[in-house]
Amino acid sequence: MHLSPLHLLVLALVVLVLFGKGKVSNLMGEFGRGITAFKKGVSDGSAELEKEAAAKAAKDVTPSDQDKV
């Protein structure tokens, strides 16, 4: 099924009529805050993984083959 710009316009008008401008605006604001929170969570998770990897590397004192005599 292919949606043309006319179909999208009609759909947008129906949504505005059913829910009103204020409700749609609030919904889009919540959606935007959700995306922002998701991106922050992904960023924080990546930073946490990097921190854990650095801590593990710092704790690893196993001698390598080159260090053995």
PDB file of N, CA and C in Angstrom:
ATOM      1  N   MET A   1       0.848  -1.180   0.000  1.00  0.00           N
ATOM      2  CA  MET A   1       0.000   0.000   0.000  1.00  0.00           C
ATOM      3  C   MET A   1       0.893   1.243   0.000  1.00  0.00           C
ATOM      4  N   HIS A   2       0.625   2.122  -0.903  1.00  0.00           N
ATOM      5  CA  HIS A   2       1.436   3.330  -1.051  1.00  0.00           C
ATOM      6  C   HIS A   2       0.629   4.523  -0.559  1.00  0.00           C
ATOM      7  N   LEU A   3       1.200   5.297   0.375  1.00  0.00           N
ATOM      8  CA  LEU A   3       0.528   6.486   0.885  1.00  0.00           C
ATOM      9  C   LEU A   3       1.033   7.715   0.136  1.00  0.00           C
ATOM     10  N   SER A   4       0.125   8.383  -0.514  1.00  0.00           N
ATOM     11  CA  SER A   4       0.484   9.604  -1.224  1.00  0.00           C
ATOM     12  C   SER A   4       0.425  10.785  -0.252  1.00  0.00           C
ATOM     13  N   PRO A   5       0.969  11.912  -0.628  1.00  0.00           N
ATOM     14  CA  PRO A   5       0.888  13.099   0.239  1.00  0.00           C
ATOM     15  C   PRO A   5      -0.558  13.501   0.546  1.00  0.00           C
ATOM     16  N   LEU A   6      -1.465  13.263  -0.402  1.00  0.00           N
ATOM     17  CA  LEU A   6      -2.873  13.581  -0.169  1.00  0.00           C
ATOM     18  C   LEU A   6      -3.444  12.703   0.940  1.00  0.00           C
ATOM     19  N   HIS A   7      -3.091  11.408   0.931  1.00  0.00           N
ATOM     20  CA  HIS A   7      -3.551  10.505   1.979  1.00  0.00           C
ATOM     21  C   HIS A   7      -3.045  10.964   3.353  1.00  0.00           C
ATOM     22  N   LEU A   8      -1.781  11.352   3.410  1.00  0.00           N
ATOM     23  CA  LEU A   8      -1.200  11.809   4.673  1.00  0.00           C
ATOM     24  C   LEU A   8      -1.870  13.095   5.163  1.00  0.00           C
ATOM     25  N   LEU A   9      -2.198  13.985   4.247  1.00  0.00           N
ATOM     26  CA  LEU A   9      -2.869  15.230   4.613  1.00  0.00           C
ATOM     27  C   LEU A   9      -4.263  14.953   5.185  1.00  0.00           C
ATOM     28  N   VAL A  10      -4.998  14.084   4.535  1.00  0.00           N
ATOM     29  CA  VAL A  10      -6.334  13.727   5.020  1.00  0.00           C
ATOM     30  C   VAL A  10      -6.226  13.060   6.394  1.00  0.00           C
ATOM     31  N   LEU A  11      -5.266  12.183   6.554  1.00  0.00           N
ATOM     32  CA  LEU A  11      -5.070  11.513   7.840  1.00  0.00           C
ATOM     33  C   LEU A  11      -4.739  12.530   8.929  1.00  0.00           C
ATOM     34  N   ALA A  12      -3.874  13.487   8.629  1.00  0.00           N
ATOM     35  CA  ALA A  12      -3.518  14.515   9.601  1.00  0.00           C
ATOM     36  C   ALA A  12      -4.738  15.354   9.983  1.00  0.00           C
ATOM     37  N   LEU A  13      -5.561  15.693   9.009  1.00  0.00           N
ATOM     38  CA  LEU A  13      -6.776  16.463   9.301  1.00  0.00           C
ATOM     39  C   LEU A  13      -7.738  15.676  10.183  1.00  0.00           C
ATOM     40  N   VAL A  14      -7.907  14.398   9.919  1.00  0.00           N
ATOM     41  CA  VAL A  14      -8.794  13.564  10.736  1.00  0.00           C
ATOM     42  C   VAL A  14      -8.281  13.492  12.171  1.00  0.00           C
ATOM     43  N   VAL A  15      -6.987  13.321  12.334  1.00  0.00           N
ATOM     44  CA  VAL A  15      -6.401  13.267  13.678  1.00  0.00           C
ATOM     45  C   VAL A  15      -6.619  14.591  14.404  1.00  0.00           C
ATOM     46  N   LEU A  16      -6.418  15.710  13.708  1.00  0.00           N
ATOM     47  CA  LEU A  16      -6.638  17.024  14.330  1.00  0.00           C
ATOM     48  C   LEU A  16      -8.096  17.214  14.735  1.00  0.00           C
ATOM     49  N   VAL A  17      -9.017  16.775  13.898  1.00  0.00           N
ATOM     50  CA  VAL A  17     -10.436  16.926  14.212  1.00  0.00           C
ATOM     51  C   VAL A  17     -10.804  16.054  15.411  1.00  0.00           C
ATOM     52  N   LEU A  18     -10.301  14.824  15.445  1.00  0.00           N
ATOM     53  CA  LEU A  18     -10.659  13.908  16.524  1.00  0.00           C
ATOM     54  C   LEU A  18     -10.054  14.309  17.868  1.00  0.00           C
ATOM     55  N   PHE A  19      -8.816  14.701  17.885  1.00  0.00           N
ATOM     56  CA  PHE A  19      -8.117  14.940  19.143  1.00  0.00           C
ATOM     57  C   PHE A  19      -7.921  16.422  19.474  1.00  0.00           C
ATOM     58  N   GLY A  20      -7.993  17.264  18.508  1.00  0.00           N
ATOM     59  CA  GLY A  20      -7.786  18.687  18.748  1.00  0.00           C
ATOM     60  C   GLY A  20      -6.314  19.056  18.702  1.00  0.00           C
ATOM     61  N   LYS A  21      -6.058  20.317  18.435  1.00  0.00           N
ATOM     62  CA  LYS A  21      -4.686  20.804  18.267  1.00  0.00           C
ATOM     63  C   LYS A  21      -3.863  20.647  19.546  1.00  0.00           C
ATOM     64  N   GLY A  22      -4.453  20.948  20.698  1.00  0.00           N
ATOM     65  CA  GLY A  22      -3.717  20.882  21.961  1.00  0.00           C
ATOM     66  C   GLY A  22      -3.283  19.474  22.312  1.00  0.00           C
ATOM     67  N   LYS A  23      -4.173  18.514  22.113  1.00  0.00           N
ATOM     68  CA  LYS A  23      -3.851  17.125  22.448  1.00  0.00           C
ATOM     69  C   LYS A  23      -2.737  16.594  21.544  1.00  0.00           C
ATOM     70  N   VAL A  24      -2.801  16.898  20.251  1.00  0.00           N
ATOM     71  CA  VAL A  24      -1.769  16.450  19.313  1.00  0.00           C
ATOM     72  C   VAL A  24      -0.438  17.108  19.669  1.00  0.00           C
ATOM     73  N   SER A  25      -0.470  18.381  20.034  1.00  0.00           N
ATOM     74  CA  SER A  25       0.746  19.090  20.414  1.00  0.00           C
ATOM     75  C   SER A  25       1.374  18.461  21.659  1.00  0.00           C
ATOM     76  N   ASN A  26       0.550  18.140  22.657  1.00  0.00           N
ATOM     77  CA  ASN A  26       1.054  17.491  23.872  1.00  0.00           C
ATOM     78  C   ASN A  26       1.635  16.118  23.559  1.00  0.00           C
ATOM     79  N   LEU A  27       0.968  15.393  22.684  1.00  0.00           N
ATOM     80  CA  LEU A  27       1.441  14.055  22.315  1.00  0.00           C
ATOM     81  C   LEU A  27       2.796  14.131  21.617  1.00  0.00           C
ATOM     82  N   MET A  28       2.965  15.083  20.715  1.00  0.00           N
ATOM     83  CA  MET A  28       4.247  15.241  20.024  1.00  0.00           C
ATOM     84  C   MET A  28       5.340  15.680  21.002  1.00  0.00           C
ATOM     85  N   GLY A  29       4.988  16.508  21.975  1.00  0.00           N
ATOM     86  CA  GLY A  29       5.961  16.917  22.991  1.00  0.00           C
ATOM     87  C   GLY A  29       6.424  15.728  23.815  1.00  0.00           C
ATOM     88  N   GLU A  30       5.486  14.870  24.214  1.00  0.00           N
ATOM     89  CA  GLU A  30       5.838  13.656  24.962  1.00  0.00           C
ATOM     90  C   GLU A  30       6.695  12.732  24.110  1.00  0.00           C
ATOM     91  N   PHE A  31       6.373  12.626  22.852  1.00  0.00           N
ATOM     92  CA  PHE A  31       7.154  11.794  21.932  1.00  0.00           C
ATOM     93  C   PHE A  31       8.586  12.307  21.828  1.00  0.00           C
ATOM     94  N   GLY A  32       8.744  13.606  21.706  1.00  0.00           N
ATOM     95  CA  GLY A  32      10.068  14.222  21.626  1.00  0.00           C
ATOM     96  C   GLY A  32      10.874  14.002  22.898  1.00  0.00           C
ATOM     97  N   ARG A  33      10.225  14.142  24.063  1.00  0.00           N
ATOM     98  CA  ARG A  33      10.913  13.898  25.333  1.00  0.00           C
ATOM     99  C   ARG A  33      11.305  12.435  25.458  1.00  0.00           C
ATOM    100  N   GLY A  34      10.466  11.544  24.947  1.00  0.00           N
ATOM    101  CA  GLY A  34      10.793  10.120  24.976  1.00  0.00           C
ATOM    102  C   GLY A  34      12.021   9.800  24.139  1.00  0.00           C
ATOM    103  N   ILE A  35      12.097  10.387  22.962  1.00  0.00           N
ATOM    104  CA  ILE A  35      13.261  10.172  22.096  1.00  0.00           C
ATOM    105  C   ILE A  35      14.521  10.731  22.760  1.00  0.00           C
ATOM    106  N   THR A  36      14.412  11.912  23.358  1.00  0.00           N
ATOM    107  CA  THR A  36      15.555  12.512  24.041  1.00  0.00           C
ATOM    108  C   THR A  36      16.027  11.627  25.191  1.00  0.00           C
ATOM    109  N   ALA A  37      15.080  11.094  25.974  1.00  0.00           N
ATOM    110  CA  ALA A  37      15.439  10.218  27.094  1.00  0.00           C
ATOM    111  C   ALA A  37      16.087   8.932  26.584  1.00  0.00           C
ATOM    112  N   PHE A  38      15.587   8.407  25.477  1.00  0.00           N
ATOM    113  CA  PHE A  38      16.164   7.188  24.904  1.00  0.00           C
ATOM    114  C   PHE A  38      17.606   7.435  24.463  1.00  0.00           C
ATOM    115  N   LYS A  39      17.854   8.533  23.763  1.00  0.00           N
ATOM    116  CA  LYS A  39      19.205   8.860  23.307  1.00  0.00           C
ATOM    117  C   LYS A  39      20.145   9.056  24.494  1.00  0.00           C
ATOM    118  N   LYS A  40      19.657   9.705  25.555  1.00  0.00           N
ATOM    119  CA  LYS A  40      20.483   9.909  26.748  1.00  0.00           C
ATOM    120  C   LYS A  40      20.799   8.565  27.392  1.00  0.00           C
ATOM    121  N   GLY A  41      19.823   7.670  27.446  1.00  0.00           N
ATOM    122  CA  GLY A  41      20.053   6.347  28.011  1.00  0.00           C
ATOM    123  C   GLY A  41      21.069   5.549  27.222  1.00  0.00           C
ATOM    124  N   VAL A  42      20.987   5.620  25.903  1.00  0.00           N
ATOM    125  CA  VAL A  42      21.959   4.918  25.053  1.00  0.00           C
ATOM    126  C   VAL A  42      23.350   5.494  25.274  1.00  0.00           C
ATOM    127  N   SER A  43      23.447   6.810  25.351  1.00  0.00           N
ATOM    128  CA  SER A  43      24.731   7.472  25.573  1.00  0.00           C
ATOM    129  C   SER A  43      25.308   7.090  26.935  1.00  0.00           C
ATOM    130  N   ASP A  44      24.466   7.115  27.966  1.00  0.00           N
ATOM    131  CA  ASP A  44      24.922   6.747  29.310  1.00  0.00           C
ATOM    132  C   ASP A  44      25.342   5.283  29.350  1.00  0.00           C
ATOM    133  N   GLY A  45      24.614   4.426  28.658  1.00  0.00           N
ATOM    134  CA  GLY A  45      24.961   3.006  28.614  1.00  0.00           C
ATOM    135  C   GLY A  45      26.296   2.771  27.937  1.00  0.00           C
ATOM    136  N   SER A  46      26.552   3.486  26.857  1.00  0.00           N
ATOM    137  CA  SER A  46      27.833   3.363  26.152  1.00  0.00           C
ATOM    138  C   SER A  46      28.974   3.834  27.041  1.00  0.00           C
ATOM    139  N   ALA A  47      28.769   4.935  27.745  1.00  0.00           N
ATOM    140  CA  ALA A  47      29.799   5.456  28.634  1.00  0.00           C
ATOM    141  C   ALA A  47      30.069   4.463  29.767  1.00  0.00           C
ATOM    142  N   GLU A  48      29.017   3.840  30.283  1.00  0.00           N
ATOM    143  CA  GLU A  48      29.170   2.854  31.355  1.00  0.00           C
ATOM    144  C   GLU A  48      29.956   1.640  30.863  1.00  0.00           C
ATOM    145  N   LEU A  49      29.674   1.182  29.651  1.00  0.00           N
ATOM    146  CA  LEU A  49      30.404   0.043  29.092  1.00  0.00           C
ATOM    147  C   LEU A  49      31.881   0.369  28.894  1.00  0.00           C
ATOM    148  N   GLU A  50      32.166   1.575  28.417  1.00  0.00           N
ATOM    149  CA  GLU A  50      33.554   1.989  28.233  1.00  0.00           C
ATOM    150  C   GLU A  50      34.279   2.060  29.584  1.00  0.00           C
ATOM    151  N   LYS A  51      33.578   2.556  30.594  1.00  0.00           N
ATOM    152  CA  LYS A  51      34.155   2.664  31.929  1.00  0.00           C
ATOM    153  C   LYS A  51      34.470   1.271  32.488  1.00  0.00           C
ATOM    154  N   GLU A  52      33.536   0.323  32.296  1.00  0.00           N
ATOM    155  CA  GLU A  52      33.746  -1.050  32.769  1.00  0.00           C
ATOM    156  C   GLU A  52      34.918  -1.711  32.034  1.00  0.00           C
ATOM    157  N   ALA A  53      35.028  -1.483  30.731  1.00  0.00           N
ATOM    158  CA  ALA A  53      36.122  -2.059  29.947  1.00  0.00           C
ATOM    159  C   ALA A  53      37.465  -1.496  30.422  1.00  0.00           C
ATOM    160  N   ALA A  54      37.514  -0.199  30.715  1.00  0.00           N
ATOM    161  CA  ALA A  54      38.745   0.415  31.197  1.00  0.00           C
ATOM    162  C   ALA A  54      39.110  -0.129  32.578  1.00  0.00           C
ATOM    163  N   ALA A  55      38.107  -0.324  33.428  1.00  0.00           N
ATOM    164  CA  ALA A  55      38.369  -0.860  34.759  1.00  0.00           C
ATOM    165  C   ALA A  55      38.871  -2.297  34.672  1.00  0.00           C
ATOM    166  N   LYS A  56      38.311  -3.082  33.778  1.00  0.00           N
ATOM    167  CA  LYS A  56      38.739  -4.469  33.614  1.00  0.00           C
ATOM    168  C   LYS A  56      40.174  -4.519  33.094  1.00  0.00           C
ATOM    169  N   ALA A  57      40.497  -3.657  32.146  1.00  0.00           N
ATOM    170  CA  ALA A  57      41.850  -3.616  31.594  1.00  0.00           C
ATOM    171  C   ALA A  57      42.850  -3.188  32.665  1.00  0.00           C
ATOM    172  N   ALA A  58      42.451  -2.299  33.546  1.00  0.00           N
ATOM    173  CA  ALA A  58      43.346  -1.826  34.600  1.00  0.00           C
ATOM    174  C   ALA A  58      43.583  -2.922  35.641  1.00  0.00           C
ATOM    175  N   LYS A  59      42.590  -3.787  35.886  1.00  0.00           N
ATOM    176  CA  LYS A  59      42.714  -4.837  36.880  1.00  0.00           C
ATOM    177  C   LYS A  59      43.482  -6.047  36.362  1.00  0.00           C
ATOM    178  N   ASP A  60      43.540  -6.227  35.072  1.00  0.00           N
ATOM    179  CA  ASP A  60      44.170  -7.404  34.490  1.00  0.00           C
ATOM    180  C   ASP A  60      45.686  -7.260  34.567  1.00  0.00           C
ATOM    181  N   VAL A  61      46.312  -8.037  35.463  1.00  0.00           N
ATOM    182  CA  VAL A  61      47.761  -7.974  35.640  1.00  0.00           C
ATOM    183  C   VAL A  61      48.427  -9.272  35.187  1.00  0.00           C
ATOM    184  N   THR A  62      47.732 -10.038  34.380  1.00  0.00           N
ATOM    185  CA  THR A  62      48.274 -11.288  33.868  1.00  0.00           C
ATOM    186  C   THR A  62      49.440 -10.972  32.949  1.00  0.00           C
ATOM    187  N   PRO A  63      50.605 -11.591  33.179  1.00  0.00           N
ATOM    188  CA  PRO A  63      51.747 -11.321  32.297  1.00  0.00           C
ATOM    189  C   PRO A  63      51.510 -11.904  30.909  1.00  0.00           C
ATOM    190  N   SER A  64      51.928 -11.175  29.910  1.00  0.00           N
ATOM    191  CA  SER A  64      51.788 -11.679  28.549  1.00  0.00           C
ATOM    192  C   SER A  64      52.954 -12.605  28.229  1.00  0.00           C
ATOM    193  N   ASP A  65      52.914 -13.253  27.098  1.00  0.00           N
ATOM    194  CA  ASP A  65      53.983 -14.178  26.691  1.00  0.00           C
ATOM    195  C   ASP A  65      55.315 -13.439  26.563  1.00  0.00           C
ATOM    196  N   GLN A  66      55.302 -12.190  26.185  1.00  0.00           N
ATOM    197  CA  GLN A  66      56.527 -11.410  26.031  1.00  0.00           C
ATOM    198  C   GLN A  66      57.193 -11.121  27.367  1.00  0.00           C
ATOM    199  N   ASP A  67      56.378 -11.018  28.432  1.00  0.00           N
ATOM    200  CA  ASP A  67      56.908 -10.706  29.758  1.00  0.00           C
ATOM    201  C   ASP A  67      57.572 -11.922  30.415  1.00  0.00           C
ATOM    202  N   LYS A  68      57.230 -13.124  29.959  1.00  0.00           N
ATOM    203  CA  LYS A  68      57.770 -14.325  30.582  1.00  0.00           C
ATOM    204  C   LYS A  68      59.211 -14.543  30.135  1.00  0.00           C
ATOM    205  N   VAL A  69      60.022 -15.001  31.042  1.00  0.00           N
ATOM    206  CA  VAL A  69      61.441 -15.211  30.740  1.00  0.00           C
ATOM    207  C   VAL A  69      61.703 -16.662  30.465  1.00  0.00           C
TER     208      VAL A  69
END
